[in-house]
């Protein structure tokens, strides 16, 4: 293989990688737009209802011979539910920012790499 063939293969391989990045970026962008426009609240990847999810429980030593332990009071359950809802809203905002960042970075990097490498690959393949 000559140096010209190796450089041509390099430019085509990088162009293919850039095209893959671009496709993933466009898919992520469309997914982000659908999530922003079609849902009242931005969807979480792993969402659990706050009614059944309990917050952090204080650490207590386990005593196997102890009598039945008391369940949380209504006020404690309400506090845990409020904390859960606050955490979910923060998670929604973080997820939305992360999805936007991912979509933009994949699209921009893929586009820049493709615009730089593919014309060079075409030019070099036409000269052979």
C-alpha atoms as a PDB file:
ATOM      1  CA  UNK A   1       0.000   0.000   0.000  1.00  0.00           C
ATOM      2  CA  UNK A   2       1.222   3.434  -0.805  1.00  0.00           C
ATOM      3  CA  UNK A   3       1.086   6.471   1.405  1.00  0.00           C
ATOM      4  CA  UNK A   4      -1.583   7.953  -0.848  1.00  0.00           C
ATOM      5  CA  UNK A   5      -3.852   4.925  -0.381  1.00  0.00           C
ATOM      6  CA  UNK A   6      -3.369   4.982   3.378  1.00  0.00           C
ATOM      7  CA  UNK A   7      -4.214   8.686   3.592  1.00  0.00           C
ATOM      8  CA  UNK A   8      -7.259   8.154   1.370  1.00  0.00           C
ATOM      9  CA  UNK A   9      -8.443   5.311   3.625  1.00  0.00           C
ATOM     10  CA  UNK A  10      -7.871   7.542   6.676  1.00  0.00           C
ATOM     11  CA  UNK A  11      -9.993  10.366   5.262  1.00  0.00           C
ATOM     12  CA  UNK A  12     -12.820   8.004   4.288  1.00  0.00           C
ATOM     13  CA  UNK A  13     -12.783   6.247   7.683  1.00  0.00           C
ATOM     14  CA  UNK A  14     -12.845   9.563   9.565  1.00  0.00           C
ATOM     15  CA  UNK A  15     -15.641  10.757   7.253  1.00  0.00           C
ATOM     16  CA  UNK A  16     -17.635   7.618   8.049  1.00  0.00           C
ATOM     17  CA  UNK A  17     -17.108   8.137  11.782  1.00  0.00           C
ATOM     18  CA  UNK A  18     -18.159  11.772  11.425  1.00  0.00           C
ATOM     19  CA  UNK A  19     -21.271  10.727   9.530  1.00  0.00           C
ATOM     20  CA  UNK A  20     -22.161   8.292  12.319  1.00  0.00           C
ATOM     21  CA  UNK A  21     -21.685  11.059  14.914  1.00  0.00           C
ATOM     22  CA  UNK A  22     -23.880  13.339  12.817  1.00  0.00           C
ATOM     23  CA  UNK A  23     -26.668  10.748  12.573  1.00  0.00           C
ATOM     24  CA  UNK A  24     -26.558  10.117  16.338  1.00  0.00           C
ATOM     25  CA  UNK A  25     -26.606  13.879  16.956  1.00  0.00           C
ATOM     26  CA  UNK A  26     -29.617  14.423  14.695  1.00  0.00           C
ATOM     27  CA  UNK A  27     -31.437  11.518  16.363  1.00  0.00           C
ATOM     28  CA  UNK A  28     -30.662  12.964  19.807  1.00  0.00           C
ATOM     29  CA  UNK A  29     -31.825  16.412  18.683  1.00  0.00           C
ATOM     30  CA  UNK A  30     -35.136  15.054  17.403  1.00  0.00           C
ATOM     31  CA  UNK A  31     -35.579  13.072  20.627  1.00  0.00           C
ATOM     32  CA  UNK A  32     -34.881  16.221  22.670  1.00  0.00           C
ATOM     33  CA  UNK A  33     -37.367  18.283  20.635  1.00  0.00           C
ATOM     34  CA  UNK A  34     -40.072  15.637  21.030  1.00  0.00           C
ATOM     35  CA  UNK A  35     -39.474  15.460  24.793  1.00  0.00           C
ATOM     36  CA  UNK A  36     -39.617  19.255  25.144  1.00  0.00           C
ATOM     37  CA  UNK A  37     -42.671  19.855  22.971  1.00  0.00           C
ATOM     38  CA  UNK A  38     -44.863  16.808  23.580  1.00  0.00           C
ATOM     39  CA  UNK A  39     -44.659  16.316  27.353  1.00  0.00           C
ATOM     40  CA  UNK A  40     -45.872  18.589  30.136  1.00  0.00           C
ATOM     41  CA  UNK A  41     -42.820  17.713  32.208  1.00  0.00           C
ATOM     42  CA  UNK A  42     -39.533  16.558  30.725  1.00  0.00           C
ATOM     43  CA  UNK A  43     -39.482  12.743  31.037  1.00  0.00           C
ATOM     44  CA  UNK A  44     -36.922  11.024  33.217  1.00  0.00           C
ATOM     45  CA  UNK A  45     -35.211   7.847  32.104  1.00  0.00           C
ATOM     46  CA  UNK A  46     -35.884   5.955  35.333  1.00  0.00           C
ATOM     47  CA  UNK A  47     -38.896   7.489  37.002  1.00  0.00           C
ATOM     48  CA  UNK A  48     -40.527   6.128  40.134  1.00  0.00           C
ATOM     49  CA  UNK A  49     -43.671   7.524  41.728  1.00  0.00           C
ATOM     50  CA  UNK A  50     -43.050   9.484  44.914  1.00  0.00           C
ATOM     51  CA  UNK A  51     -46.047   7.879  46.610  1.00  0.00           C
ATOM     52  CA  UNK A  52     -44.298   4.508  46.809  1.00  0.00           C
ATOM     53  CA  UNK A  53     -40.698   5.675  46.988  1.00  0.00           C
ATOM     54  CA  UNK A  54     -39.299   6.484  50.380  1.00  0.00           C
ATOM     55  CA  UNK A  55     -36.479   8.902  50.949  1.00  0.00           C
ATOM     56  CA  UNK A  56     -33.336   8.296  52.919  1.00  0.00           C
ATOM     57  CA  UNK A  57     -33.871   6.396  56.127  1.00  0.00           C
ATOM     58  CA  UNK A  58     -31.692   7.281  59.101  1.00  0.00           C
ATOM     59  CA  UNK A  59     -29.224   4.558  59.997  1.00  0.00           C
ATOM     60  CA  UNK A  60     -30.160   2.635  63.113  1.00  0.00           C
ATOM     61  CA  UNK A  61     -28.599  -0.480  64.544  1.00  0.00           C
ATOM     62  CA  UNK A  62     -30.553  -3.610  63.797  1.00  0.00           C
ATOM     63  CA  UNK A  63     -31.653  -5.425  66.905  1.00  0.00           C
ATOM     64  CA  UNK A  64     -33.171  -8.787  66.005  1.00  0.00           C
ATOM     65  CA  UNK A  65     -34.765  -9.264  69.426  1.00  0.00           C
ATOM     66  CA  UNK A  66     -36.462  -5.864  69.467  1.00  0.00           C
ATOM     67  CA  UNK A  67     -40.242  -5.579  69.278  1.00  0.00           C
ATOM     68  CA  UNK A  68     -41.958  -4.312  66.161  1.00  0.00           C
ATOM     69  CA  UNK A  69     -40.640  -0.943  65.129  1.00  0.00           C
ATOM     70  CA  UNK A  70     -42.949   1.973  64.451  1.00  0.00           C
ATOM     71  CA  UNK A  71     -43.722   3.002  60.894  1.00  0.00           C
ATOM     72  CA  UNK A  72     -43.117   6.597  59.750  1.00  0.00           C
ATOM     73  CA  UNK A  73     -45.700   9.167  60.785  1.00  0.00           C
ATOM     74  CA  UNK A  74     -47.936  10.929  58.272  1.00  0.00           C
ATOM     75  CA  UNK A  75     -45.857  14.081  58.647  1.00  0.00           C
ATOM     76  CA  UNK A  76     -42.631  12.171  57.936  1.00  0.00           C
ATOM     77  CA  UNK A  77     -44.201  10.556  54.878  1.00  0.00           C
ATOM     78  CA  UNK A  78     -45.375  13.952  53.612  1.00  0.00           C
ATOM     79  CA  UNK A  79     -41.895  15.425  54.117  1.00  0.00           C
ATOM     80  CA  UNK A  80     -40.348  12.504  52.249  1.00  0.00           C
ATOM     81  CA  UNK A  81     -42.828  12.945  49.403  1.00  0.00           C
ATOM     82  CA  UNK A  82     -42.062  16.682  49.136  1.00  0.00           C
ATOM     83  CA  UNK A  83     -38.332  15.966  49.099  1.00  0.00           C
ATOM     84  CA  UNK A  84     -38.892  13.335  46.428  1.00  0.00           C
ATOM     85  CA  UNK A  85     -40.840  15.779  44.243  1.00  0.00           C
ATOM     86  CA  UNK A  86     -38.123  18.435  44.616  1.00  0.00           C
ATOM     87  CA  UNK A  87     -35.465  15.908  43.702  1.00  0.00           C
ATOM     88  CA  UNK A  88     -37.452  14.773  40.667  1.00  0.00           C
ATOM     89  CA  UNK A  89     -37.751  18.345  39.388  1.00  0.00           C
ATOM     90  CA  UNK A  90     -34.010  18.846  39.804  1.00  0.00           C
ATOM     91  CA  UNK A  91     -33.401  15.558  37.987  1.00  0.00           C
ATOM     92  CA  UNK A  92     -35.700  16.653  35.148  1.00  0.00           C
ATOM     93  CA  UNK A  93     -33.748  19.876  34.691  1.00  0.00           C
ATOM     94  CA  UNK A  94     -30.407  18.040  34.776  1.00  0.00           C
ATOM     95  CA  UNK A  95     -31.678  15.445  32.294  1.00  0.00           C
ATOM     96  CA  UNK A  96     -32.942  18.138  29.932  1.00  0.00           C
ATOM     97  CA  UNK A  97     -29.612  19.986  30.016  1.00  0.00           C
ATOM     98  CA  UNK A  98     -27.662  16.751  29.536  1.00  0.00           C
ATOM     99  CA  UNK A  99     -29.813  15.694  26.568  1.00  0.00           C
ATOM    100  CA  UNK A 100     -29.409  19.097  24.912  1.00  0.00           C
ATOM    101  CA  UNK A 101     -25.649  19.076  25.506  1.00  0.00           C
ATOM    102  CA  UNK A 102     -25.327  15.577  24.046  1.00  0.00           C
ATOM    103  CA  UNK A 103     -27.440  16.382  20.996  1.00  0.00           C
ATOM    104  CA  UNK A 104     -25.558  19.583  20.210  1.00  0.00           C
ATOM    105  CA  UNK A 105     -22.087  18.180  20.793  1.00  0.00           C
ATOM    106  CA  UNK A 106     -22.631  15.079  18.631  1.00  0.00           C
ATOM    107  CA  UNK A 107     -24.185  17.135  15.839  1.00  0.00           C
ATOM    108  CA  UNK A 108     -21.553  19.885  15.860  1.00  0.00           C
ATOM    109  CA  UNK A 109     -18.528  17.577  16.146  1.00  0.00           C
ATOM    110  CA  UNK A 110     -19.885  15.224  13.473  1.00  0.00           C
ATOM    111  CA  UNK A 111     -20.656  18.097  11.126  1.00  0.00           C
ATOM    112  CA  UNK A 112     -17.254  19.739  11.567  1.00  0.00           C
ATOM    113  CA  UNK A 113     -15.349  16.492  11.045  1.00  0.00           C
ATOM    114  CA  UNK A 114     -17.435  15.550   8.011  1.00  0.00           C
ATOM    115  CA  UNK A 115     -17.122  18.980   6.377  1.00  0.00           C
ATOM    116  CA  UNK A 116     -13.347  18.927   6.836  1.00  0.00           C
ATOM    117  CA  UNK A 117     -12.535  15.320   5.881  1.00  0.00           C
ATOM    118  CA  UNK A 118     -15.033  14.270   3.207  1.00  0.00           C
ATOM    119  CA  UNK A 119     -14.128  16.921   0.581  1.00  0.00           C
ATOM    120  CA  UNK A 120     -10.443  16.039   1.017  1.00  0.00           C
ATOM    121  CA  UNK A 121     -11.256  12.339   0.555  1.00  0.00           C
ATOM    122  CA  UNK A 122     -13.210  13.110  -2.621  1.00  0.00           C
ATOM    123  CA  UNK A 123     -10.453  15.309  -3.984  1.00  0.00           C
ATOM    124  CA  UNK A 124      -7.778  12.677  -3.304  1.00  0.00           C
ATOM    125  CA  UNK A 125      -9.853   9.867  -4.809  1.00  0.00           C
ATOM    126  CA  UNK A 126     -10.393  11.899  -8.000  1.00  0.00           C
ATOM    127  CA  UNK A 127      -6.631  12.457  -8.380  1.00  0.00           C
ATOM    128  CA  UNK A 128      -5.836   8.730  -8.421  1.00  0.00           C
END
